[in-house]
C-alpha atoms as a PDB file:
ATOM      1  CA  MET A   1       0.288  -0.045   0.063  1.00  0.00           C
ATOM      2  CA  ARG A   2       1.697   3.382  -0.289  1.00  0.00           C
ATOM      3  CA  TRP A   3       0.984   6.279   1.563  1.00  0.00           C
ATOM      4  CA  ALA A   4      -1.232   8.055  -1.018  1.00  0.00           C
ATOM      5  CA  ASP A   5      -3.497   5.321  -0.773  1.00  0.00           C
ATOM      6  CA  LEU A   6      -4.478   5.944   2.806  1.00  0.00           C
ATOM      7  CA  PRO A   7      -8.031   6.536   3.544  1.00  0.00           C
ATOM      8  CA  LYS A   8      -9.096  10.416   3.752  1.00  0.00           C
ATOM      9  CA  ARG A   9     -10.369   9.696   7.208  1.00  0.00           C
ATOM     10  CA  TYR A  10      -6.406   9.862   8.259  1.00  0.00           C
ATOM     11  CA  GLY A  11      -5.821  13.419   6.500  1.00  0.00           C
ATOM     12  CA  LYS A  12      -3.222  14.361   4.274  1.00  0.00           C
ATOM     13  CA  TYR A  13      -0.861  11.220   3.398  1.00  0.00           C
ATOM     14  CA  LYS A  14       2.277  13.545   3.403  1.00  0.00           C
ATOM     15  CA  SER A  15       1.302  14.693   6.933  1.00  0.00           C
ATOM     16  CA  VAL A  16       0.614  11.147   8.149  1.00  0.00           C
ATOM     17  CA  HIS A  17       4.173   9.987   6.929  1.00  0.00           C
ATOM     18  CA  LYS A  18       6.190  12.505   8.446  1.00  0.00           C
ATOM     19  CA  ARG A  19       4.852  11.935  11.446  1.00  0.00           C
ATOM     20  CA  PHE A  20       5.128   8.219  11.076  1.00  0.00           C
ATOM     21  CA  VAL A  21       8.998   9.002  10.231  1.00  0.00           C
ATOM     22  CA  ARG A  22       9.032  11.136  13.381  1.00  0.00           C
ATOM     23  CA  TRP A  23       7.521   8.617  15.349  1.00  0.00           C
ATOM     24  CA  ALA A  24      10.028   5.922  14.256  1.00  0.00           C
ATOM     25  CA  ASP A  25      13.111   8.215  14.711  1.00  0.00           C
ATOM     26  CA  SER A  26      12.106   9.078  17.993  1.00  0.00           C
ATOM     27  CA  GLY A  27      11.753   5.175  19.292  1.00  0.00           C
ATOM     28  CA  VAL A  28       7.934   5.556  19.527  1.00  0.00           C
ATOM     29  CA  TRP A  29       7.347   2.363  17.342  1.00  0.00           C
ATOM     30  CA  ASP A  30      10.375   0.404  19.267  1.00  0.00           C
ATOM     31  CA  ARG A  31       8.289   1.128  22.231  1.00  0.00           C
ATOM     32  CA  LEU A  32       5.131   0.519  21.589  1.00  0.00           C
ATOM     33  CA  PHE A  33       6.124  -2.832  20.300  1.00  0.00           C
ATOM     34  CA  ASP A  34       8.336  -3.977  23.128  1.00  0.00           C
ATOM     35  CA  ASP A  35       5.366  -2.951  25.057  1.00  0.00           C
ATOM     36  CA  LEU A  36       2.868  -5.205  23.188  1.00  0.00           C
ATOM     37  CA  VAL A  37       5.246  -8.136  23.366  1.00  0.00           C
ATOM     38  CA  GLY A  38       6.004  -7.811  27.012  1.00  0.00           C
ATOM     39  CA  ASP A  39       2.333  -9.204  27.791  1.00  0.00           C
ATOM     40  CA  GLN A  40       2.172 -12.259  26.143  1.00  0.00           C
ATOM     41  CA  LYS A  41      -1.834 -12.699  26.841  1.00  0.00           C
ATOM     42  CA  ASN A  42      -2.533  -9.125  25.032  1.00  0.00           C
ATOM     43  CA  PRO A  43      -4.924 -10.172  22.150  1.00  0.00           C
ATOM     44  CA  TYR A  44      -3.548  -7.454  19.473  1.00  0.00           C
ATOM     45  CA  LEU A  45      -0.079  -8.932  19.855  1.00  0.00           C
ATOM     46  CA  MET A  46      -0.506 -10.412  16.091  1.00  0.00           C
ATOM     47  CA  LEU A  47       0.789  -7.843  13.700  1.00  0.00           C
ATOM     48  CA  GLY A  48       1.294  -7.960  10.191  1.00  0.00           C
ATOM     49  CA  TYR A  49       3.854  -6.491   7.079  1.00  0.00           C
ATOM     50  CA  HIS A  50       3.963  -6.560   3.566  1.00  0.00           C
ATOM     51  CA  ARG A  51       6.600  -4.961   1.548  1.00  0.00           C
ATOM     52  CA  LEU A  52       5.763  -5.041  -2.062  1.00  0.00           C
ATOM     53  CA  SER A  53       8.206  -6.576  -4.536  1.00  0.00           C
ATOM     54  CA  SER A  54      10.058  -4.653  -6.886  1.00  0.00           C
ATOM     55  CA  SER A  55       8.361  -5.237 -10.147  1.00  0.00           C
ATOM     56  CA  ALA A  56       4.925  -4.502  -8.191  1.00  0.00           C
ATOM     57  CA  SER A  57       6.283  -1.081  -7.026  1.00  0.00           C
ATOM     58  CA  GLY A  58       7.837   0.069 -10.376  1.00  0.00           C
ATOM     59  CA  HIS A  59      11.038   0.406  -8.498  1.00  0.00           C
ATOM     60  CA  GLU A  60      14.570  -0.791  -8.770  1.00  0.00           C
ATOM     61  CA  PRO A  61      15.475  -3.487  -6.291  1.00  0.00           C
ATOM     62  CA  GLN A  62      17.094  -2.296  -3.178  1.00  0.00           C
ATOM     63  CA  LYS A  63      19.513  -3.471  -0.484  1.00  0.00           C
ATOM     64  CA  LYS A  64      17.389  -5.981   1.607  1.00  0.00           C
ATOM     65  CA  ALA A  65      16.429  -3.950   5.261  1.00  0.00           C
ATOM     66  CA  LYS A  66      18.090  -5.886   8.443  1.00  0.00           C
ATOM     67  CA  THR A  67      14.490  -7.484   9.758  1.00  0.00           C
ATOM     68  CA  ARG A  68      13.866  -6.616  13.646  1.00  0.00           C
ATOM     69  CA  LEU A  69      12.236  -9.386  15.157  1.00  0.00           C
ATOM     70  CA  TRP A  70       9.862  -8.319  17.794  1.00  0.00           C
ATOM     71  CA  GLY A  71      10.453  -9.835  21.046  1.00  0.00           C
ATOM     72  CA  VAL A  72      13.183 -11.518  20.078  1.00  0.00           C
ATOM     73  CA  PRO A  73      16.908 -10.581  21.573  1.00  0.00           C
ATOM     74  CA  GLU A  74      19.582  -9.656  19.138  1.00  0.00           C
ATOM     75  CA  VAL A  75      22.527 -11.389  18.750  1.00  0.00           C
ATOM     76  CA  ASP A  76      25.364  -9.765  17.704  1.00  0.00           C
END
């Protein structure tokens, strides 16, 4: 899904994107997911993520980003 495809009820997609990036940079998403994972009985724990393939998005393939496994300790 592209940012421009967000339902209008969320407001201007550029504003939503800026907020999302600002929250990501300040660690809001990390804290939120850490709290969700901390309560194993939380019914809202199931989260999904889908990334479009390069052929579907019309963009050139990019270097694969490191995947963060929430709730799994990172190993160096």
